[in-house]
Amino acid sequence: MSSQQPVALVMGASRGIGRQVAIDLSRNGYAVVLAAKTTSDASKTTPFPPNPNSSQSTINTVEREIREAGGQAFAVAVDVRDAAQIQYAVDETVRVFGKLDALVYNSGAIWWSSVENTPLKRFRLMQQINPEGLYASIQAALPHFGKNGWKGRIIVVSPPIYSRFFRGKTAYAMGKVGMSVLVKGLAMDFQRQGRTDMAITSIWPASAIESAATEKNNSGDVSYKKDLRKPAIFSDAILKMLQAPVTTVNGMLETDEDFLRNKCGVTDFSQYSVIPGSTPRRIMPAAFPTLEVAEQDDEGQRMDSTKLRAKI
């Protein structure tokens, strides 16, 4: 069933932010492919729809939500630690809907602690799911963007790069900042290769967002919700990023609030507060360092390992 609508593949779409992004993409005219590890029999889920931050919310229940609202959706089970499963999800997206217009990488693994209290097993899991899963997803998607005339968008959930982010969660930061480096580097590749209709953009919450993680970390005490925003702020920002000119968003590392304020003119964020009337605490700095430096016009001979290997 090929689609005349734009088609988005959302990795990590089973609950919380990913679910909201998928649903809002559908509401705004996208056919959506939902990818995550957790599946269920959505026809037997009671009550429906389930709590979006609970384990009852799966790619199958989100698929049902979208379809019952009149949208187009397709669910495919994916463990992003397996590149073959990622490749299958991307290929299924194109098989079912005929194309791929947008890739949203929301899958993630979290362990916030010191290096000494982060086991190697946990470190490896985060690297597999965070930077490696993203890298495999992009590698699987790029050929399909190429067949589409190099026209498409990639949205990555990763942070602006600044030193405080490393504090107390170095192992986690190594992977998430690595994802942001991929955003900056691939954006430069797009520019250098003349792919003027391709953009990759990073987004991160300026204030904490209601999710399964925040519920798990604060069970039994609801006072923390005054500092939470609804996931709709994230999906609203992503939708605007997808609609923005390539030159505005390619290589951008930005927060949801700052993008909506600075690029979309939003000044009132009260609608996003989980507790009406509250002003959620900002967890990100007010400004971020500029990564660009003064460089030589002539960078010298560029090395390409692909070409070097071909000579061997």
C-alpha atoms as a PDB file:
ATOM      1  CA  MET A   1       0.000   0.000   0.000  1.00  0.00           C
ATOM      2  CA  SER A   2       2.130   2.810  -1.276  1.00  0.00           C
ATOM      3  CA  SER A   3       1.432   6.209   0.255  1.00  0.00           C
ATOM      4  CA  GLN A   4       0.978   9.613  -1.332  1.00  0.00           C
ATOM      5  CA  GLN A   5       1.607  11.046   2.143  1.00  0.00           C
ATOM      6  CA  PRO A   6       5.093  11.711   3.486  1.00  0.00           C
ATOM      7  CA  VAL A   7       6.383   8.605   5.267  1.00  0.00           C
ATOM      8  CA  ALA A   8       8.199   8.618   8.621  1.00  0.00           C
ATOM      9  CA  LEU A   9       9.962   5.782  10.403  1.00  0.00           C
ATOM     10  CA  VAL A  10      10.084   6.329  14.175  1.00  0.00           C
ATOM     11  CA  MET A  11      12.626   4.184  16.009  1.00  0.00           C
ATOM     12  CA  GLY A  12      11.581   3.861  19.646  1.00  0.00           C
ATOM     13  CA  ALA A  13       7.859   4.510  19.154  1.00  0.00           C
ATOM     14  CA  SER A  14       6.250   2.285  21.762  1.00  0.00           C
ATOM     15  CA  ARG A  15       5.605   4.729  24.598  1.00  0.00           C
ATOM     16  CA  GLY A  16       6.260   8.176  26.055  1.00  0.00           C
ATOM     17  CA  ILE A  17       7.939  10.659  23.738  1.00  0.00           C
ATOM     18  CA  GLY A  18       8.203   8.221  20.820  1.00  0.00           C
ATOM     19  CA  ARG A  19       4.504   7.408  20.956  1.00  0.00           C
ATOM     20  CA  GLN A  20       3.597  11.111  21.035  1.00  0.00           C
ATOM     21  CA  VAL A  21       5.885  11.878  18.107  1.00  0.00           C
ATOM     22  CA  ALA A  22       4.354   9.066  16.036  1.00  0.00           C
ATOM     23  CA  ILE A  23       0.774  10.075  16.825  1.00  0.00           C
ATOM     24  CA  ASP A  24       1.400  13.748  16.074  1.00  0.00           C
ATOM     25  CA  LEU A  25       3.188  12.916  12.830  1.00  0.00           C
ATOM     26  CA  SER A  26       0.087  10.976  11.810  1.00  0.00           C
ATOM     27  CA  ARG A  27      -2.197  13.844  12.806  1.00  0.00           C
ATOM     28  CA  ASN A  28      -0.116  16.072  10.552  1.00  0.00           C
ATOM     29  CA  GLY A  29      -0.394  13.951   7.440  1.00  0.00           C
ATOM     30  CA  TYR A  30       2.391  11.379   7.744  1.00  0.00           C
ATOM     31  CA  ALA A  31       2.123   7.660   7.220  1.00  0.00           C
ATOM     32  CA  VAL A  32       4.074   6.262  10.151  1.00  0.00           C
ATOM     33  CA  VAL A  33       6.106   3.108  10.684  1.00  0.00           C
ATOM     34  CA  LEU A  34       6.482   2.294  14.373  1.00  0.00           C
ATOM     35  CA  ALA A  35       9.609   0.437  15.407  1.00  0.00           C
ATOM     36  CA  ALA A  36      10.601  -0.814  18.866  1.00  0.00           C
ATOM     37  CA  LYS A  37      11.325  -4.038  20.711  1.00  0.00           C
ATOM     38  CA  THR A  38       8.125  -4.271  22.776  1.00  0.00           C
ATOM     39  CA  THR A  39       5.079  -5.824  21.087  1.00  0.00           C
ATOM     40  CA  SER A  40       1.638  -6.975  22.245  1.00  0.00           C
ATOM     41  CA  ASP A  41      -1.797  -8.064  21.097  1.00  0.00           C
ATOM     42  CA  ALA A  42      -3.370  -4.613  20.871  1.00  0.00           C
ATOM     43  CA  SER A  43      -6.860  -6.050  20.369  1.00  0.00           C
ATOM     44  CA  LYS A  44      -6.776  -7.451  23.912  1.00  0.00           C
ATOM     45  CA  THR A  45      -5.340  -4.381  25.632  1.00  0.00           C
ATOM     46  CA  THR A  46      -7.701  -3.094  28.327  1.00  0.00           C
ATOM     47  CA  PRO A  47      -8.200  -0.242  28.996  1.00  0.00           C
ATOM     48  CA  PHE A  48      -7.460   1.224  25.605  1.00  0.00           C
ATOM     49  CA  PRO A  49      -5.525   3.323  24.928  1.00  0.00           C
ATOM     50  CA  PRO A  50      -3.197   2.279  27.738  1.00  0.00           C
ATOM     51  CA  ASN A  51      -1.165   4.619  29.926  1.00  0.00           C
ATOM     52  CA  PRO A  52       1.347   5.965  27.368  1.00  0.00           C
ATOM     53  CA  ASN A  53       4.162   5.611  29.901  1.00  0.00           C
ATOM     54  CA  SER A  54       3.387   2.032  30.909  1.00  0.00           C
ATOM     55  CA  SER A  55       4.629  -1.278  29.527  1.00  0.00           C
ATOM     56  CA  GLN A  56       1.145  -1.853  28.108  1.00  0.00           C
ATOM     57  CA  SER A  57       1.865   0.801  25.510  1.00  0.00           C
ATOM     58  CA  THR A  58       3.613  -0.934  22.605  1.00  0.00           C
ATOM     59  CA  ILE A  59       4.125  -0.327  18.900  1.00  0.00           C
ATOM     60  CA  ASN A  60       0.982  -2.406  18.331  1.00  0.00           C
ATOM     61  CA  THR A  61      -1.233  -0.307  20.601  1.00  0.00           C
ATOM     62  CA  VAL A  62       0.163   2.878  19.039  1.00  0.00           C
ATOM     63  CA  GLU A  63      -0.531   1.433  15.588  1.00  0.00           C
ATOM     64  CA  ARG A  64      -4.122   0.758  16.666  1.00  0.00           C
ATOM     65  CA  GLU A  65      -4.465   4.290  18.100  1.00  0.00           C
ATOM     66  CA  ILE A  66      -3.344   5.843  14.835  1.00  0.00           C
ATOM     67  CA  ARG A  67      -5.481   3.625  12.651  1.00  0.00           C
ATOM     68  CA  GLU A  68      -8.616   4.138  14.756  1.00  0.00           C
ATOM     69  CA  ALA A  69      -8.049   7.889  14.381  1.00  0.00           C
ATOM     70  CA  GLY A  70      -8.004   7.464  10.592  1.00  0.00           C
ATOM     71  CA  GLY A  71      -4.258   7.505  10.026  1.00  0.00           C
ATOM     72  CA  GLN A  72      -1.893   5.127   8.277  1.00  0.00           C
ATOM     73  CA  ALA A  73       0.481   3.155  10.498  1.00  0.00           C
ATOM     74  CA  PHE A  74       2.468  -0.041  10.407  1.00  0.00           C
ATOM     75  CA  ALA A  75       4.351  -1.674  13.303  1.00  0.00           C
ATOM     76  CA  VAL A  76       7.571  -3.656  12.977  1.00  0.00           C
ATOM     77  CA  ALA A  77       9.461  -5.219  15.892  1.00  0.00           C
ATOM     78  CA  VAL A  78      13.088  -4.115  16.062  1.00  0.00           C
ATOM     79  CA  ASP A  79      15.900  -4.611  18.536  1.00  0.00           C
ATOM     80  CA  VAL A  80      18.258  -1.783  17.551  1.00  0.00           C
ATOM     81  CA  ARG A  81      21.234  -3.787  18.837  1.00  0.00           C
ATOM     82  CA  ASP A  82      20.807  -5.922  15.704  1.00  0.00           C
ATOM     83  CA  ALA A  83      21.728  -4.140  12.456  1.00  0.00           C
ATOM     84  CA  ALA A  84      19.877  -6.793  10.413  1.00  0.00           C
ATOM     85  CA  GLN A  85      16.638  -5.995  12.237  1.00  0.00           C
ATOM     86  CA  ILE A  86      17.168  -2.291  11.622  1.00  0.00           C
ATOM     87  CA  GLN A  87      17.750  -2.955   7.936  1.00  0.00           C
ATOM     88  CA  TYR A  88      14.548  -5.018   7.829  1.00  0.00           C
ATOM     89  CA  ALA A  89      12.533  -2.192   9.425  1.00  0.00           C
ATOM     90  CA  VAL A  90      13.815   0.355   6.915  1.00  0.00           C
ATOM     91  CA  ASP A  91      13.205  -1.984   3.989  1.00  0.00           C
ATOM     92  CA  GLU A  92       9.699  -2.797   5.282  1.00  0.00           C
ATOM     93  CA  THR A  93       8.946   0.916   5.473  1.00  0.00           C
ATOM     94  CA  VAL A  94       9.687   1.273   1.778  1.00  0.00           C
ATOM     95  CA  ARG A  95       7.936  -2.008   0.885  1.00  0.00           C
ATOM     96  CA  VAL A  96       4.725  -1.037   2.707  1.00  0.00           C
ATOM     97  CA  PHE A  97       4.535   2.669   1.887  1.00  0.00           C
ATOM     98  CA  GLY A  98       6.756   2.941  -1.180  1.00  0.00           C
ATOM     99  CA  LYS A  99       9.289   5.440   0.157  1.00  0.00           C
ATOM    100  CA  LEU A 100      10.984   6.980   3.185  1.00  0.00           C
ATOM    101  CA  ASP A 101      10.841  10.721   3.817  1.00  0.00           C
ATOM    102  CA  ALA A 102      11.841  11.045   7.463  1.00  0.00           C
ATOM    103  CA  LEU A 103      13.737   8.979  10.020  1.00  0.00           C
ATOM    104  CA  VAL A 104      13.302   9.799  13.722  1.00  0.00           C
ATOM    105  CA  TYR A 105      15.744   8.027  16.049  1.00  0.00           C
ATOM    106  CA  ASN A 106      14.256   8.054  19.550  1.00  0.00           C
ATOM    107  CA  SER A 107      15.559   4.685  20.806  1.00  0.00           C
ATOM    108  CA  GLY A 108      17.764   5.018  23.856  1.00  0.00           C
ATOM    109  CA  ALA A 109      19.302   3.324  26.875  1.00  0.00           C
ATOM    110  CA  ILE A 110      20.010   5.248  30.089  1.00  0.00           C
ATOM    111  CA  TRP A 111      22.380   4.666  33.003  1.00  0.00           C
ATOM    112  CA  TRP A 112      23.392   7.789  34.896  1.00  0.00           C
ATOM    113  CA  SER A 113      26.230   7.134  37.321  1.00  0.00           C
ATOM    114  CA  SER A 114      29.961   7.548  37.825  1.00  0.00           C
ATOM    115  CA  VAL A 115      32.440   5.589  35.744  1.00  0.00           C
ATOM    116  CA  GLU A 116      33.289   3.331  38.694  1.00  0.00           C
ATOM    117  CA  ASN A 117      29.602   2.524  39.174  1.00  0.00           C
ATOM    118  CA  THR A 118      28.868   1.876  35.513  1.00  0.00           C
ATOM    119  CA  PRO A 119      29.596  -1.790  34.687  1.00  0.00           C
ATOM    120  CA  LEU A 120      31.188  -2.515  31.320  1.00  0.00           C
ATOM    121  CA  LYS A 121      28.111  -4.550  30.386  1.00  0.00           C
ATOM    122  CA  ARG A 122      25.881  -1.515  30.956  1.00  0.00           C
ATOM    123  CA  PHE A 123      28.318   0.745  29.054  1.00  0.00           C
ATOM    124  CA  ARG A 124      28.274  -1.592  26.059  1.00  0.00           C
ATOM    125  CA  LEU A 125      24.470  -1.748  26.085  1.00  0.00           C
ATOM    126  CA  MET A 126      24.255   2.038  25.920  1.00  0.00           C
ATOM    127  CA  GLN A 127      26.732   2.224  23.061  1.00  0.00           C
ATOM    128  CA  GLN A 128      24.849  -0.474  21.126  1.00  0.00           C
ATOM    129  CA  ILE A 129      21.465   1.210  21.491  1.00  0.00           C
ATOM    130  CA  ASN A 130      22.504   4.856  21.357  1.00  0.00           C
ATOM    131  CA  PRO A 131      25.296   5.659  18.832  1.00  0.00           C
ATOM    132  CA  GLU A 132      25.551   2.243  17.142  1.00  0.00           C
ATOM    133  CA  GLY A 133      21.792   1.892  16.686  1.00  0.00           C
ATOM    134  CA  LEU A 134      21.625   5.389  15.230  1.00  0.00           C
ATOM    135  CA  TYR A 135      24.571   4.733  12.915  1.00  0.00           C
ATOM    136  CA  ALA A 136      23.034   1.484  11.652  1.00  0.00           C
ATOM    137  CA  SER A 137      19.667   3.180  11.114  1.00  0.00           C
ATOM    138  CA  ILE A 138      21.214   5.983   9.077  1.00  0.00           C
ATOM    139  CA  GLN A 139      23.294   3.556   7.022  1.00  0.00           C
ATOM    140  CA  ALA A 140      20.167   1.534   6.256  1.00  0.00           C
ATOM    141  CA  ALA A 141      18.148   4.633   5.367  1.00  0.00           C
ATOM    142  CA  LEU A 142      20.634   6.549   3.200  1.00  0.00           C
ATOM    143  CA  PRO A 143      20.287   4.345   0.089  1.00  0.00           C
ATOM    144  CA  HIS A 144      16.511   4.851   0.161  1.00  0.00           C
ATOM    145  CA  PHE A 145      16.936   8.612   0.515  1.00  0.00           C
ATOM    146  CA  GLY A 146      19.261   8.351  -2.485  1.00  0.00           C
ATOM    147  CA  LYS A 147      16.576   6.601  -4.522  1.00  0.00           C
ATOM    148  CA  ASN A 148      14.259   9.437  -3.531  1.00  0.00           C
ATOM    149  CA  GLY A 149      16.588  11.952  -5.185  1.00  0.00           C
ATOM    150  CA  TRP A 150      18.458  12.673  -1.945  1.00  0.00           C
ATOM    151  CA  LYS A 151      15.470  14.347  -0.393  1.00  0.00           C
ATOM    152  CA  GLY A 152      14.708  13.591   3.251  1.00  0.00           C
ATOM    153  CA  ARG A 153      15.052  14.455   6.912  1.00  0.00           C
ATOM    154  CA  ILE A 154      16.669  12.747   9.902  1.00  0.00           C
ATOM    155  CA  ILE A 155      15.832  13.728  13.482  1.00  0.00           C
ATOM    156  CA  VAL A 156      18.055  12.481  16.311  1.00  0.00           C
ATOM    157  CA  VAL A 157      17.353  12.644  20.041  1.00  0.00           C
ATOM    158  CA  SER A 158      20.765  13.781  21.287  1.00  0.00           C
ATOM    159  CA  PRO A 159      22.055  16.813  23.214  1.00  0.00           C
ATOM    160  CA  PRO A 160      23.870  20.014  22.432  1.00  0.00           C
ATOM    161  CA  ILE A 161      27.570  19.516  23.234  1.00  0.00           C
ATOM    162  CA  TYR A 162      28.714  21.208  26.450  1.00  0.00           C
ATOM    163  CA  SER A 163      30.853  20.128  29.402  1.00  0.00           C
ATOM    164  CA  ARG A 164      28.231  19.941  32.169  1.00  0.00           C
ATOM    165  CA  PHE A 165      26.447  17.179  30.285  1.00  0.00           C
ATOM    166  CA  PHE A 166      29.325  14.817  31.077  1.00  0.00           C
ATOM    167  CA  ARG A 167      29.046  15.311  34.851  1.00  0.00           C
ATOM    168  CA  GLY A 168      27.897  12.254  36.799  1.00  0.00           C
ATOM    169  CA  LYS A 169      26.994  10.278  33.674  1.00  0.00           C
ATOM    170  CA  THR A 170      30.181  10.018  31.637  1.00  0.00           C
ATOM    171  CA  ALA A 171      29.447   6.588  30.134  1.00  0.00           C
ATOM    172  CA  TYR A 172      26.008   7.729  28.995  1.00  0.00           C
ATOM    173  CA  ALA A 173      27.369  11.042  27.699  1.00  0.00           C
ATOM    174  CA  MET A 174      30.034   9.285  25.597  1.00  0.00           C
ATOM    175  CA  GLY A 175      27.290   7.689  23.508  1.00  0.00           C
ATOM    176  CA  LYS A 176      24.795  10.561  23.390  1.00  0.00           C
ATOM    177  CA  VAL A 177      27.413  13.181  22.534  1.00  0.00           C
ATOM    178  CA  GLY A 178      28.731  10.742  19.934  1.00  0.00           C
ATOM    179  CA  MET A 179      25.283  10.852  18.361  1.00  0.00           C
ATOM    180  CA  SER A 180      25.496  14.644  18.232  1.00  0.00           C
ATOM    181  CA  VAL A 181      28.911  14.389  16.572  1.00  0.00           C
ATOM    182  CA  LEU A 182      27.298  12.159  13.941  1.00  0.00           C
ATOM    183  CA  VAL A 183      24.663  14.858  13.378  1.00  0.00           C
ATOM    184  CA  LYS A 184      27.296  17.532  12.827  1.00  0.00           C
ATOM    185  CA  GLY A 185      29.487  15.326  10.651  1.00  0.00           C
ATOM    186  CA  LEU A 186      26.743  13.948   8.414  1.00  0.00           C
ATOM    187  CA  ALA A 187      25.373  17.463   7.961  1.00  0.00           C
ATOM    188  CA  MET A 188      28.806  18.493   6.660  1.00  0.00           C
ATOM    189  CA  ASP A 189      28.794  15.486   4.323  1.00  0.00           C
ATOM    190  CA  PHE A 190      25.412  16.543   2.932  1.00  0.00           C
ATOM    191  CA  GLN A 191      26.739  20.041   2.276  1.00  0.00           C
ATOM    192  CA  ARG A 192      29.997  18.825   0.742  1.00  0.00           C
ATOM    193  CA  GLN A 193      28.163  16.336  -1.487  1.00  0.00           C
ATOM    194  CA  GLY A 194      25.685  18.955  -2.717  1.00  0.00           C
ATOM    195  CA  ARG A 195      22.685  17.147  -1.198  1.00  0.00           C
ATOM    196  CA  THR A 196      20.755  20.336  -0.609  1.00  0.00           C
ATOM    197  CA  ASP A 197      17.438  18.604   0.137  1.00  0.00           C
ATOM    198  CA  MET A 198      18.836  16.450   2.951  1.00  0.00           C
ATOM    199  CA  ALA A 199      19.000  17.570   6.576  1.00  0.00           C
ATOM    200  CA  ILE A 200      19.897  15.941   9.882  1.00  0.00           C
ATOM    201  CA  THR A 201      18.922  17.669  13.119  1.00  0.00           C
ATOM    202  CA  SER A 202      19.353  16.966  16.832  1.00  0.00           C
ATOM    203  CA  ILE A 203      16.734  17.719  19.486  1.00  0.00           C
ATOM    204  CA  TRP A 204      16.900  17.560  23.283  1.00  0.00           C
ATOM    205  CA  PRO A 205      14.462  18.628  26.030  1.00  0.00           C
ATOM    206  CA  ALA A 206      15.096  21.968  27.729  1.00  0.00           C
ATOM    207  CA  SER A 207      12.970  20.840  30.691  1.00  0.00           C
ATOM    208  CA  ALA A 208      12.236  17.291  31.821  1.00  0.00           C
ATOM    209  CA  ILE A 209       9.436  15.560  29.921  1.00  0.00           C
ATOM    210  CA  GLU A 210       6.858  13.186  31.371  1.00  0.00           C
ATOM    211  CA  SER A 211       7.856   9.647  30.418  1.00  0.00           C
ATOM    212  CA  ALA A 212       8.250   6.096  31.688  1.00  0.00           C
ATOM    213  CA  ALA A 213      11.696   7.066  32.998  1.00  0.00           C
ATOM    214  CA  THR A 214      10.430  10.005  35.082  1.00  0.00           C
ATOM    215  CA  GLU A 215       7.576   7.908  36.487  1.00  0.00           C
ATOM    216  CA  LYS A 216       9.931   5.070  37.433  1.00  0.00           C
ATOM    217  CA  ASN A 217      12.437   7.379  39.117  1.00  0.00           C
ATOM    218  CA  ASN A 218       9.771   9.180  41.170  1.00  0.00           C
ATOM    219  CA  SER A 219       7.255   6.469  42.051  1.00  0.00           C
ATOM    220  CA  GLY A 220       4.983   7.332  44.960  1.00  0.00           C
ATOM    221  CA  ASP A 221       5.676  11.078  44.949  1.00  0.00           C
ATOM    222  CA  VAL A 222       3.731  13.225  42.498  1.00  0.00           C
ATOM    223  CA  SER A 223       5.269  16.571  43.521  1.00  0.00           C
ATOM    224  CA  TYR A 224       7.978  16.091  40.902  1.00  0.00           C
ATOM    225  CA  LYS A 225       5.378  16.577  38.153  1.00  0.00           C
ATOM    226  CA  LYS A 226       5.473  20.342  38.640  1.00  0.00           C
ATOM    227  CA  ASP A 227       8.824  20.248  36.862  1.00  0.00           C
ATOM    228  CA  LEU A 228       7.612  18.162  33.924  1.00  0.00           C
ATOM    229  CA  ARG A 229       6.359  19.079  30.490  1.00  0.00           C
ATOM    230  CA  LYS A 230       4.074  17.059  28.256  1.00  0.00           C
ATOM    231  CA  PRO A 231       5.761  15.179  25.393  1.00  0.00           C
ATOM    232  CA  ALA A 232       3.736  17.309  22.974  1.00  0.00           C
ATOM    233  CA  ILE A 233       6.411  20.025  23.218  1.00  0.00           C
ATOM    234  CA  PHE A 234       8.899  17.563  21.753  1.00  0.00           C
ATOM    235  CA  SER A 235       6.635  16.413  18.921  1.00  0.00           C
ATOM    236  CA  ASP A 236       5.639  20.000  18.122  1.00  0.00           C
ATOM    237  CA  ALA A 237       9.300  20.963  17.798  1.00  0.00           C
ATOM    238  CA  ILE A 238      10.071  17.919  15.643  1.00  0.00           C
ATOM    239  CA  LEU A 239       7.199  18.717  13.293  1.00  0.00           C
ATOM    240  CA  LYS A 240       8.478  22.269  12.904  1.00  0.00           C
ATOM    241  CA  MET A 241      12.016  20.997  12.291  1.00  0.00           C
ATOM    242  CA  LEU A 242      10.732  18.711   9.537  1.00  0.00           C
ATOM    243  CA  GLN A 243       8.957  21.662   7.925  1.00  0.00           C
ATOM    244  CA  ALA A 244      11.850  24.142   8.255  1.00  0.00           C
ATOM    245  CA  PRO A 245      14.220  24.927   5.380  1.00  0.00           C
ATOM    246  CA  VAL A 246      17.217  22.601   5.116  1.00  0.00           C
ATOM    247  CA  THR A 247      19.610  25.509   5.601  1.00  0.00           C
ATOM    248  CA  THR A 248      17.965  26.320   8.943  1.00  0.00           C
ATOM    249  CA  VAL A 249      18.108  22.870  10.535  1.00  0.00           C
ATOM    250  CA  ASN A 250      20.883  20.845   8.873  1.00  0.00           C
ATOM    251  CA  GLY A 251      23.497  20.108  11.545  1.00  0.00           C
ATOM    252  CA  MET A 252      21.544  21.939  14.251  1.00  0.00           C
ATOM    253  CA  LEU A 253      21.839  20.735  17.863  1.00  0.00           C
ATOM    254  CA  GLU A 254      18.898  22.358  19.641  1.00  0.00           C
ATOM    255  CA  THR A 255      16.426  22.016  22.497  1.00  0.00           C
ATOM    256  CA  ASP A 256      12.690  21.789  21.964  1.00  0.00           C
ATOM    257  CA  GLU A 257      11.915  25.032  23.793  1.00  0.00           C
ATOM    258  CA  ASP A 258      14.699  27.063  22.183  1.00  0.00           C
ATOM    259  CA  PHE A 259      13.766  25.950  18.683  1.00  0.00           C
ATOM    260  CA  LEU A 260      10.090  26.768  19.186  1.00  0.00           C
ATOM    261  CA  ARG A 261      10.965  30.154  20.685  1.00  0.00           C
ATOM    262  CA  ASN A 262      13.790  31.239  18.397  1.00  0.00           C
ATOM    263  CA  LYS A 263      12.679  29.732  15.081  1.00  0.00           C
ATOM    264  CA  CYS A 264       8.895  29.516  15.430  1.00  0.00           C
ATOM    265  CA  GLY A 265       8.018  32.550  17.570  1.00  0.00           C
ATOM    266  CA  VAL A 266       6.449  30.628  20.456  1.00  0.00           C
ATOM    267  CA  THR A 267       6.459  32.665  23.683  1.00  0.00           C
ATOM    268  CA  ASP A 268       3.861  30.911  25.859  1.00  0.00           C
ATOM    269  CA  PHE A 269       4.839  27.406  26.944  1.00  0.00           C
ATOM    270  CA  SER A 270       2.201  27.021  29.659  1.00  0.00           C
ATOM    271  CA  GLN A 271       0.181  24.561  27.550  1.00  0.00           C
ATOM    272  CA  TYR A 272       2.985  22.043  27.906  1.00  0.00           C
ATOM    273  CA  SER A 273       3.124  21.984  31.726  1.00  0.00           C
ATOM    274  CA  VAL A 274       1.939  18.674  33.186  1.00  0.00           C
ATOM    275  CA  ILE A 275       0.650  20.552  36.244  1.00  0.00           C
ATOM    276  CA  PRO A 276      -1.404  23.557  35.037  1.00  0.00           C
ATOM    277  CA  GLY A 277       0.050  26.845  36.235  1.00  0.00           C
ATOM    278  CA  SER A 278       3.463  25.405  37.065  1.00  0.00           C
ATOM    279  CA  THR A 279       6.706  26.550  35.453  1.00  0.00           C
ATOM    280  CA  PRO A 280       8.928  23.504  34.936  1.00  0.00           C
ATOM    281  CA  ARG A 281      12.565  24.009  35.888  1.00  0.00           C
ATOM    282  CA  ARG A 282      14.904  24.297  32.927  1.00  0.00           C
ATOM    283  CA  ILE A 283      17.516  21.529  33.082  1.00  0.00           C
ATOM    284  CA  MET A 284      19.644  22.807  30.209  1.00  0.00           C
ATOM    285  CA  PRO A 285      21.953  25.855  30.128  1.00  0.00           C
ATOM    286  CA  ALA A 286      20.558  29.115  28.798  1.00  0.00           C
ATOM    287  CA  ALA A 287      23.159  29.129  26.021  1.00  0.00           C
ATOM    288  CA  PHE A 288      25.539  26.605  24.488  1.00  0.00           C
ATOM    289  CA  PRO A 289      29.117  26.916  23.196  1.00  0.00           C
ATOM    290  CA  THR A 290      29.722  27.467  19.519  1.00  0.00           C
ATOM    291  CA  LEU A 291      31.684  24.554  18.101  1.00  0.00           C
ATOM    292  CA  GLU A 292      33.018  26.368  15.044  1.00  0.00           C
ATOM    293  CA  VAL A 293      36.552  27.786  15.102  1.00  0.00           C
ATOM    294  CA  ALA A 294      38.648  29.831  12.703  1.00  0.00           C
ATOM    295  CA  GLU A 295      40.022  27.343  10.190  1.00  0.00           C
ATOM    296  CA  GLN A 296      42.463  27.470   7.319  1.00  0.00           C
ATOM    297  CA  ASP A 297      40.835  27.811   3.926  1.00  0.00           C
ATOM    298  CA  ASP A 298      43.126  25.041   2.714  1.00  0.00           C
ATOM    299  CA  GLU A 299      42.749  21.979   4.934  1.00  0.00           C
ATOM    300  CA  GLY A 300      45.299  20.042   2.915  1.00  0.00           C
ATOM    301  CA  GLN A 301      44.768  16.751   1.160  1.00  0.00           C
ATOM    302  CA  ARG A 302      41.624  15.000   2.382  1.00  0.00           C
ATOM    303  CA  MET A 303      42.131  11.348   3.227  1.00  0.00           C
ATOM    304  CA  ASP A 304      39.447   8.857   2.160  1.00  0.00           C
ATOM    305  CA  SER A 305      39.960   5.398   3.653  1.00  0.00           C
ATOM    306  CA  THR A 306      37.591   3.872   1.091  1.00  0.00           C
ATOM    307  CA  LYS A 307      39.874   4.921  -1.741  1.00  0.00           C
ATOM    308  CA  LEU A 308      42.992   3.893   0.168  1.00  0.00           C
ATOM    309  CA  ARG A 309      41.548   0.451   0.805  1.00  0.00           C
ATOM    310  CA  ALA A 310      40.649   0.049  -2.885  1.00  0.00           C
ATOM    311  CA  LYS A 311      44.321   0.502  -3.782  1.00  0.00           C
ATOM    312  CA  ILE A 312      45.426  -2.356  -1.526  1.00  0.00           C
END
